[in-house]
């Protein structure tokens, strides 16, 4: 049986996920085309996003462990707000590249952080047996929010795509309000810097795990391929829209 505090934490994390992963800005390729960017410049923006995300994934996890889940999740949405504001006001490639750097950091800072916060909430009340159900609800919430955002963005296309970034900004603000009420488990609060593993130790442990866990390695490869295919299915309609 989950305690009232744990239920509250989980509800807030679901609300945060619904707002943070609301896919309203999915049609960003078409938006940038409307701003006059070429496909080469748009490709550069996406490359900067993925390169930043690749380089920041592990460091962002270390930051979450060192400074706590709630501050990191709030900073993530502040990065998202910065991204939205630049997308709405910028007219140069340099500023747009900065926007995608902020978007990558917004993604990295919340990547895995919500799940870790949920798990620690369950550990705090010795209810980790509920985690499979909790993570199922979380992932379902993310997928539903993402899909609803895409549908709404498609409805606003092509004349009102700028509205999608105002909605994205508003969703980020709501997410901040939701996660501000998260109660950080005492187990995490008592961690000290001396008990935290170094970045080198984390990388070595991750490499060892990938080498020894064949099933996990295959699942990660499948997830990467599936995610890449899903992303391409979203980008190609935008390219075809431009060519027509």
C-alpha atoms as a PDB file:
ATOM      1  CA  UNK A   1       0.000   0.000   0.000  1.00  0.00           C
ATOM      2  CA  UNK A   2       1.420   3.366  -1.031  1.00  0.00           C
ATOM      3  CA  UNK A   3       1.549   6.169   1.499  1.00  0.00           C
ATOM      4  CA  UNK A   4      -0.316   9.437   0.772  1.00  0.00           C
ATOM      5  CA  UNK A   5       2.994  11.268   0.330  1.00  0.00           C
ATOM      6  CA  UNK A   6       4.236   8.709  -2.186  1.00  0.00           C
ATOM      7  CA  UNK A   7       0.962   8.888  -4.109  1.00  0.00           C
ATOM      8  CA  UNK A   8       1.287  12.673  -4.187  1.00  0.00           C
ATOM      9  CA  UNK A   9       4.852  12.448  -5.465  1.00  0.00           C
ATOM     10  CA  UNK A  10       3.838  10.039  -8.203  1.00  0.00           C
ATOM     11  CA  UNK A  11       0.871  12.179  -9.245  1.00  0.00           C
ATOM     12  CA  UNK A  12       3.075  15.259  -9.478  1.00  0.00           C
ATOM     13  CA  UNK A  13       5.663  13.361 -11.513  1.00  0.00           C
ATOM     14  CA  UNK A  14       2.967  12.167 -13.933  1.00  0.00           C
ATOM     15  CA  UNK A  15       1.737  15.742 -14.311  1.00  0.00           C
ATOM     16  CA  UNK A  16       5.272  16.960 -14.921  1.00  0.00           C
ATOM     17  CA  UNK A  17       5.849  14.268 -17.540  1.00  0.00           C
ATOM     18  CA  UNK A  18       2.599  15.096 -19.339  1.00  0.00           C
ATOM     19  CA  UNK A  19       3.632  18.756 -19.657  1.00  0.00           C
ATOM     20  CA  UNK A  20       7.345  18.183 -20.302  1.00  0.00           C
ATOM     21  CA  UNK A  21       6.790  15.614 -23.049  1.00  0.00           C
ATOM     22  CA  UNK A  22       3.804  17.328 -24.657  1.00  0.00           C
ATOM     23  CA  UNK A  23       4.767  17.026 -28.326  1.00  0.00           C
ATOM     24  CA  UNK A  24       3.397  20.376 -29.419  1.00  0.00           C
ATOM     25  CA  UNK A  25       6.714  21.508 -30.910  1.00  0.00           C
ATOM     26  CA  UNK A  26       7.229  18.364 -32.965  1.00  0.00           C
ATOM     27  CA  UNK A  27       6.755  20.132 -36.298  1.00  0.00           C
ATOM     28  CA  UNK A  28       9.739  22.401 -35.716  1.00  0.00           C
ATOM     29  CA  UNK A  29      11.142  21.591 -39.171  1.00  0.00           C
ATOM     30  CA  UNK A  30       8.155  23.205 -40.864  1.00  0.00           C
ATOM     31  CA  UNK A  31       8.319  26.120 -38.416  1.00  0.00           C
ATOM     32  CA  UNK A  32      11.953  26.806 -39.305  1.00  0.00           C
ATOM     33  CA  UNK A  33      11.142  26.488 -42.999  1.00  0.00           C
ATOM     34  CA  UNK A  34       8.525  29.167 -42.517  1.00  0.00           C
ATOM     35  CA  UNK A  35      11.220  31.304 -40.905  1.00  0.00           C
ATOM     36  CA  UNK A  36      13.234  31.061 -44.118  1.00  0.00           C
ATOM     37  CA  UNK A  37      15.883  28.517 -43.131  1.00  0.00           C
ATOM     38  CA  UNK A  38      17.201  26.128 -45.761  1.00  0.00           C
ATOM     39  CA  UNK A  39      17.202  22.361 -45.271  1.00  0.00           C
ATOM     40  CA  UNK A  40      20.974  22.511 -44.716  1.00  0.00           C
ATOM     41  CA  UNK A  41      20.548  25.043 -41.896  1.00  0.00           C
ATOM     42  CA  UNK A  42      17.738  22.989 -40.393  1.00  0.00           C
ATOM     43  CA  UNK A  43      19.950  19.909 -40.545  1.00  0.00           C
ATOM     44  CA  UNK A  44      22.670  21.864 -38.771  1.00  0.00           C
ATOM     45  CA  UNK A  45      20.221  22.774 -35.994  1.00  0.00           C
ATOM     46  CA  UNK A  46      19.288  19.127 -35.516  1.00  0.00           C
ATOM     47  CA  UNK A  47      22.938  18.053 -35.590  1.00  0.00           C
ATOM     48  CA  UNK A  48      23.769  20.569 -32.859  1.00  0.00           C
ATOM     49  CA  UNK A  49      20.861  19.251 -30.795  1.00  0.00           C
ATOM     50  CA  UNK A  50      21.948  15.611 -31.052  1.00  0.00           C
ATOM     51  CA  UNK A  51      25.638  16.357 -30.522  1.00  0.00           C
ATOM     52  CA  UNK A  52      24.877  18.431 -27.416  1.00  0.00           C
ATOM     53  CA  UNK A  53      22.554  15.735 -26.118  1.00  0.00           C
ATOM     54  CA  UNK A  54      25.171  13.031 -26.696  1.00  0.00           C
ATOM     55  CA  UNK A  55      27.868  14.948 -24.851  1.00  0.00           C
ATOM     56  CA  UNK A  56      25.602  16.029 -21.984  1.00  0.00           C
ATOM     57  CA  UNK A  57      23.698  12.832 -21.140  1.00  0.00           C
ATOM     58  CA  UNK A  58      26.103  11.402 -18.558  1.00  0.00           C
ATOM     59  CA  UNK A  59      27.109  14.760 -16.990  1.00  0.00           C
ATOM     60  CA  UNK A  60      23.431  15.679 -16.602  1.00  0.00           C
ATOM     61  CA  UNK A  61      22.838  12.451 -14.683  1.00  0.00           C
ATOM     62  CA  UNK A  62      25.713  13.295 -12.362  1.00  0.00           C
ATOM     63  CA  UNK A  63      24.240  16.759 -11.790  1.00  0.00           C
ATOM     64  CA  UNK A  64      20.878  15.216 -10.852  1.00  0.00           C
ATOM     65  CA  UNK A  65      22.538  12.919  -8.327  1.00  0.00           C
ATOM     66  CA  UNK A  66      24.616  15.719  -6.821  1.00  0.00           C
ATOM     67  CA  UNK A  67      22.046  18.507  -6.576  1.00  0.00           C
ATOM     68  CA  UNK A  68      18.725  16.692  -6.324  1.00  0.00           C
ATOM     69  CA  UNK A  69      15.887  15.777  -8.632  1.00  0.00           C
ATOM     70  CA  UNK A  70      13.576  18.734  -8.062  1.00  0.00           C
ATOM     71  CA  UNK A  71      16.097  21.531  -8.859  1.00  0.00           C
ATOM     72  CA  UNK A  72      17.317  19.698 -11.958  1.00  0.00           C
ATOM     73  CA  UNK A  73      13.791  19.131 -13.270  1.00  0.00           C
ATOM     74  CA  UNK A  74      12.966  22.801 -12.707  1.00  0.00           C
ATOM     75  CA  UNK A  75      16.136  23.889 -14.534  1.00  0.00           C
ATOM     76  CA  UNK A  76      15.190  21.542 -17.368  1.00  0.00           C
ATOM     77  CA  UNK A  77      11.919  23.377 -17.909  1.00  0.00           C
ATOM     78  CA  UNK A  78      13.648  26.766 -17.604  1.00  0.00           C
ATOM     79  CA  UNK A  79      15.895  25.635 -20.474  1.00  0.00           C
ATOM     80  CA  UNK A  80      12.765  24.679 -22.403  1.00  0.00           C
ATOM     81  CA  UNK A  81      11.309  28.136 -21.790  1.00  0.00           C
ATOM     82  CA  UNK A  82      14.521  29.698 -23.076  1.00  0.00           C
ATOM     83  CA  UNK A  83      14.298  27.515 -26.167  1.00  0.00           C
ATOM     84  CA  UNK A  84      10.713  28.568 -26.833  1.00  0.00           C
ATOM     85  CA  UNK A  85      11.457  32.278 -26.407  1.00  0.00           C
ATOM     86  CA  UNK A  86      14.390  32.130 -28.816  1.00  0.00           C
ATOM     87  CA  UNK A  87      12.354  30.191 -31.379  1.00  0.00           C
ATOM     88  CA  UNK A  88       9.635  32.838 -31.207  1.00  0.00           C
ATOM     89  CA  UNK A  89      11.930  35.861 -31.472  1.00  0.00           C
ATOM     90  CA  UNK A  90      15.189  34.854 -33.221  1.00  0.00           C
ATOM     91  CA  UNK A  91      15.863  35.610 -36.880  1.00  0.00           C
ATOM     92  CA  UNK A  92      19.475  34.455 -37.184  1.00  0.00           C
ATOM     93  CA  UNK A  93      21.007  30.995 -37.405  1.00  0.00           C
ATOM     94  CA  UNK A  94      23.321  31.624 -34.443  1.00  0.00           C
ATOM     95  CA  UNK A  95      20.447  32.262 -32.061  1.00  0.00           C
ATOM     96  CA  UNK A  96      18.544  29.258 -33.378  1.00  0.00           C
ATOM     97  CA  UNK A  97      21.570  27.038 -32.777  1.00  0.00           C
ATOM     98  CA  UNK A  98      21.622  28.291 -29.192  1.00  0.00           C
ATOM     99  CA  UNK A  99      17.931  27.429 -28.937  1.00  0.00           C
ATOM    100  CA  UNK A 100      18.648  23.826 -29.870  1.00  0.00           C
ATOM    101  CA  UNK A 101      21.518  23.627 -27.398  1.00  0.00           C
ATOM    102  CA  UNK A 102      19.074  24.709 -24.685  1.00  0.00           C
ATOM    103  CA  UNK A 103      16.531  22.184 -25.945  1.00  0.00           C
ATOM    104  CA  UNK A 104      19.118  19.402 -25.721  1.00  0.00           C
ATOM    105  CA  UNK A 105      19.991  20.387 -22.153  1.00  0.00           C
ATOM    106  CA  UNK A 106      16.291  20.538 -21.296  1.00  0.00           C
ATOM    107  CA  UNK A 107      15.958  16.970 -22.542  1.00  0.00           C
ATOM    108  CA  UNK A 108      19.133  15.700 -20.856  1.00  0.00           C
ATOM    109  CA  UNK A 109      18.353  17.154 -17.451  1.00  0.00           C
ATOM    110  CA  UNK A 110      15.026  15.349 -17.237  1.00  0.00           C
ATOM    111  CA  UNK A 111      16.163  12.166 -18.993  1.00  0.00           C
ATOM    112  CA  UNK A 112      16.007   9.477 -16.321  1.00  0.00           C
ATOM    113  CA  UNK A 113      15.553  12.035 -13.553  1.00  0.00           C
ATOM    114  CA  UNK A 114      11.789  11.574 -13.291  1.00  0.00           C
ATOM    115  CA  UNK A 115      12.178   7.796 -13.119  1.00  0.00           C
ATOM    116  CA  UNK A 116      14.882   8.104 -10.465  1.00  0.00           C
ATOM    117  CA  UNK A 117      12.707  10.436  -8.384  1.00  0.00           C
ATOM    118  CA  UNK A 118       9.818   7.987  -8.579  1.00  0.00           C
ATOM    119  CA  UNK A 119      11.990   5.047  -7.605  1.00  0.00           C
ATOM    120  CA  UNK A 120      13.485   6.892  -4.634  1.00  0.00           C
ATOM    121  CA  UNK A 121       9.976   7.799  -3.498  1.00  0.00           C
ATOM    122  CA  UNK A 122       9.097   4.101  -3.506  1.00  0.00           C
ATOM    123  CA  UNK A 123      12.351   3.137  -1.764  1.00  0.00           C
ATOM    124  CA  UNK A 124      11.630   5.670   0.945  1.00  0.00           C
ATOM    125  CA  UNK A 125       8.400   3.835   1.791  1.00  0.00           C
ATOM    126  CA  UNK A 126       9.692   0.324   0.987  1.00  0.00           C
ATOM    127  CA  UNK A 127       7.269  -0.028  -1.907  1.00  0.00           C
ATOM    128  CA  UNK A 128       9.644  -0.774  -4.796  1.00  0.00           C
ATOM    129  CA  UNK A 129       7.470  -3.718  -5.861  1.00  0.00           C
ATOM    130  CA  UNK A 130       5.105  -1.135  -7.363  1.00  0.00           C
ATOM    131  CA  UNK A 131       7.783   0.308  -9.670  1.00  0.00           C
ATOM    132  CA  UNK A 132       6.880  -1.767 -12.798  1.00  0.00           C
ATOM    133  CA  UNK A 133       3.323  -0.413 -12.626  1.00  0.00           C
ATOM    134  CA  UNK A 134       4.561   3.113 -11.870  1.00  0.00           C
ATOM    135  CA  UNK A 135       6.958   3.178 -14.830  1.00  0.00           C
ATOM    136  CA  UNK A 136       4.244   1.751 -17.091  1.00  0.00           C
ATOM    137  CA  UNK A 137       1.901   4.600 -16.153  1.00  0.00           C
ATOM    138  CA  UNK A 138       4.721   7.111 -16.637  1.00  0.00           C
ATOM    139  CA  UNK A 139       5.620   5.878 -20.112  1.00  0.00           C
ATOM    140  CA  UNK A 140       1.960   5.698 -21.120  1.00  0.00           C
ATOM    141  CA  UNK A 141       1.506   9.281 -19.941  1.00  0.00           C
ATOM    142  CA  UNK A 142       4.528  10.379 -21.986  1.00  0.00           C
ATOM    143  CA  UNK A 143       3.344   8.642 -25.152  1.00  0.00           C
ATOM    144  CA  UNK A 144      -0.214   9.964 -24.865  1.00  0.00           C
ATOM    145  CA  UNK A 145       1.004  13.520 -24.187  1.00  0.00           C
ATOM    146  CA  UNK A 146       3.441  13.338 -27.074  1.00  0.00           C
ATOM    147  CA  UNK A 147       0.771  12.075 -29.475  1.00  0.00           C
ATOM    148  CA  UNK A 148      -1.796  14.662 -28.408  1.00  0.00           C
ATOM    149  CA  UNK A 149       0.785  17.396 -28.909  1.00  0.00           C
ATOM    150  CA  UNK A 150       1.548  16.183 -32.434  1.00  0.00           C
ATOM    151  CA  UNK A 151      -2.162  16.124 -33.296  1.00  0.00           C
ATOM    152  CA  UNK A 152      -2.657  19.664 -31.982  1.00  0.00           C
ATOM    153  CA  UNK A 153       0.426  20.902 -33.862  1.00  0.00           C
ATOM    154  CA  UNK A 154      -0.907  19.348 -37.055  1.00  0.00           C
ATOM    155  CA  UNK A 155      -4.222  21.117 -36.545  1.00  0.00           C
ATOM    156  CA  UNK A 156      -2.401  24.443 -36.183  1.00  0.00           C
ATOM    157  CA  UNK A 157      -0.277  23.860 -39.292  1.00  0.00           C
ATOM    158  CA  UNK A 158       0.690  25.741 -41.342  1.00  0.00           C
ATOM    159  CA  UNK A 159      -0.575  29.239 -40.489  1.00  0.00           C
ATOM    160  CA  UNK A 160      -0.383  29.115 -36.697  1.00  0.00           C
ATOM    161  CA  UNK A 161       2.729  27.102 -35.857  1.00  0.00           C
ATOM    162  CA  UNK A 162       4.080  29.947 -33.722  1.00  0.00           C
ATOM    163  CA  UNK A 163       1.207  29.228 -31.335  1.00  0.00           C
ATOM    164  CA  UNK A 164       2.746  25.812 -30.666  1.00  0.00           C
ATOM    165  CA  UNK A 165       5.727  27.446 -28.982  1.00  0.00           C
ATOM    166  CA  UNK A 166       3.506  29.577 -26.781  1.00  0.00           C
ATOM    167  CA  UNK A 167       1.694  26.394 -25.728  1.00  0.00           C
ATOM    168  CA  UNK A 168       5.067  24.688 -25.186  1.00  0.00           C
ATOM    169  CA  UNK A 169       6.149  27.602 -22.995  1.00  0.00           C
ATOM    170  CA  UNK A 170       2.926  27.458 -20.980  1.00  0.00           C
ATOM    171  CA  UNK A 171       3.304  23.692 -20.522  1.00  0.00           C
ATOM    172  CA  UNK A 172       6.832  24.230 -19.194  1.00  0.00           C
ATOM    173  CA  UNK A 173       5.534  26.713 -16.623  1.00  0.00           C
ATOM    174  CA  UNK A 174       2.843  24.261 -15.499  1.00  0.00           C
ATOM    175  CA  UNK A 175       5.483  21.533 -15.232  1.00  0.00           C
ATOM    176  CA  UNK A 176       7.569  23.768 -12.948  1.00  0.00           C
ATOM    177  CA  UNK A 177       4.565  24.360 -10.714  1.00  0.00           C
ATOM    178  CA  UNK A 178       3.855  20.625 -10.584  1.00  0.00           C
ATOM    179  CA  UNK A 179       7.368  19.509  -9.730  1.00  0.00           C
ATOM    180  CA  UNK A 180       7.846  22.309  -7.175  1.00  0.00           C
ATOM    181  CA  UNK A 181       5.577  20.325  -4.865  1.00  0.00           C
ATOM    182  CA  UNK A 182       7.692  17.176  -5.112  1.00  0.00           C
ATOM    183  CA  UNK A 183       8.927  15.973  -1.729  1.00  0.00           C
ATOM    184  CA  UNK A 184      12.550  14.891  -2.084  1.00  0.00           C
ATOM    185  CA  UNK A 185      13.034  11.593  -0.234  1.00  0.00           C
ATOM    186  CA  UNK A 186      15.236  11.764   2.841  1.00  0.00           C
ATOM    187  CA  UNK A 187      17.462   9.047   1.381  1.00  0.00           C
ATOM    188  CA  UNK A 188      18.571  11.414  -1.347  1.00  0.00           C
ATOM    189  CA  UNK A 189      18.922  14.433   0.905  1.00  0.00           C
ATOM    190  CA  UNK A 190      21.457  12.645   3.106  1.00  0.00           C
ATOM    191  CA  UNK A 191      23.799  11.837   0.229  1.00  0.00           C
ATOM    192  CA  UNK A 192      27.126  13.599   0.395  1.00  0.00           C
ATOM    193  CA  UNK A 193      29.695  14.348  -2.261  1.00  0.00           C
ATOM    194  CA  UNK A 194      32.049  11.795  -0.736  1.00  0.00           C
ATOM    195  CA  UNK A 195      29.545   8.982  -1.279  1.00  0.00           C
ATOM    196  CA  UNK A 196      28.923   9.908  -4.918  1.00  0.00           C
ATOM    197  CA  UNK A 197      30.832   7.936  -7.573  1.00  0.00           C
ATOM    198  CA  UNK A 198      33.081   9.916  -9.888  1.00  0.00           C
ATOM    199  CA  UNK A 199      32.260  10.422 -13.560  1.00  0.00           C
ATOM    200  CA  UNK A 200      35.079   8.033 -14.488  1.00  0.00           C
ATOM    201  CA  UNK A 201      33.659   5.348 -12.196  1.00  0.00           C
ATOM    202  CA  UNK A 202      30.202   5.766 -13.706  1.00  0.00           C
ATOM    203  CA  UNK A 203      31.542   5.453 -17.259  1.00  0.00           C
ATOM    204  CA  UNK A 204      33.564   2.341 -16.403  1.00  0.00           C
ATOM    205  CA  UNK A 205      30.557   0.726 -14.697  1.00  0.00           C
ATOM    206  CA  UNK A 206      28.326   1.530 -17.683  1.00  0.00           C
ATOM    207  CA  UNK A 207      30.855   0.087 -20.135  1.00  0.00           C
ATOM    208  CA  UNK A 208      31.215  -3.079 -18.034  1.00  0.00           C
ATOM    209  CA  UNK A 209      27.439  -3.478 -17.891  1.00  0.00           C
ATOM    210  CA  UNK A 210      27.082  -3.161 -21.669  1.00  0.00           C
ATOM    211  CA  UNK A 211      29.821  -5.730 -22.259  1.00  0.00           C
ATOM    212  CA  UNK A 212      28.456  -8.293 -19.800  1.00  0.00           C
ATOM    213  CA  UNK A 213      24.697  -7.810 -20.297  1.00  0.00           C
ATOM    214  CA  UNK A 214      23.969  -8.967 -23.847  1.00  0.00           C
ATOM    215  CA  UNK A 215      20.183  -8.735 -23.513  1.00  0.00           C
ATOM    216  CA  UNK A 216      20.356  -5.186 -22.199  1.00  0.00           C
ATOM    217  CA  UNK A 217      22.705  -4.228 -25.027  1.00  0.00           C
ATOM    218  CA  UNK A 218      20.318  -5.593 -27.651  1.00  0.00           C
ATOM    219  CA  UNK A 219      17.348  -3.825 -26.065  1.00  0.00           C
ATOM    220  CA  UNK A 220      19.232  -0.518 -26.093  1.00  0.00           C
ATOM    221  CA  UNK A 221      20.146  -0.970 -29.770  1.00  0.00           C
ATOM    222  CA  UNK A 222      16.528  -1.801 -30.611  1.00  0.00           C
ATOM    223  CA  UNK A 223      15.290   1.263 -28.732  1.00  0.00           C
ATOM    224  CA  UNK A 224      17.788   3.495 -30.553  1.00  0.00           C
ATOM    225  CA  UNK A 225      16.792   2.126 -33.965  1.00  0.00           C
ATOM    226  CA  UNK A 226      13.086   2.399 -33.161  1.00  0.00           C
ATOM    227  CA  UNK A 227      13.469   5.980 -31.927  1.00  0.00           C
ATOM    228  CA  UNK A 228      15.493   6.931 -35.013  1.00  0.00           C
ATOM    229  CA  UNK A 229      12.825   5.478 -37.282  1.00  0.00           C
ATOM    230  CA  UNK A 230      10.067   7.326 -35.415  1.00  0.00           C
ATOM    231  CA  UNK A 231      11.993  10.595 -35.693  1.00  0.00           C
ATOM    232  CA  UNK A 232      12.501  10.111 -39.428  1.00  0.00           C
ATOM    233  CA  UNK A 233       8.795   9.494 -39.905  1.00  0.00           C
ATOM    234  CA  UNK A 234       8.180  12.938 -38.388  1.00  0.00           C
ATOM    235  CA  UNK A 235      10.887  14.795 -40.279  1.00  0.00           C
ATOM    236  CA  UNK A 236      10.261  13.448 -43.763  1.00  0.00           C
ATOM    237  CA  UNK A 237       6.642  14.720 -44.002  1.00  0.00           C
ATOM    238  CA  UNK A 238       8.026  18.168 -43.163  1.00  0.00           C
ATOM    239  CA  UNK A 239      10.604  17.908 -45.959  1.00  0.00           C
ATOM    240  CA  UNK A 240       7.979  16.730 -48.417  1.00  0.00           C
ATOM    241  CA  UNK A 241       5.716  19.617 -47.347  1.00  0.00           C
ATOM    242  CA  UNK A 242       8.532  22.050 -48.155  1.00  0.00           C
ATOM    243  CA  UNK A 243       9.201  20.470 -51.567  1.00  0.00           C
ATOM    244  CA  UNK A 244       5.554  20.752 -52.525  1.00  0.00           C
END
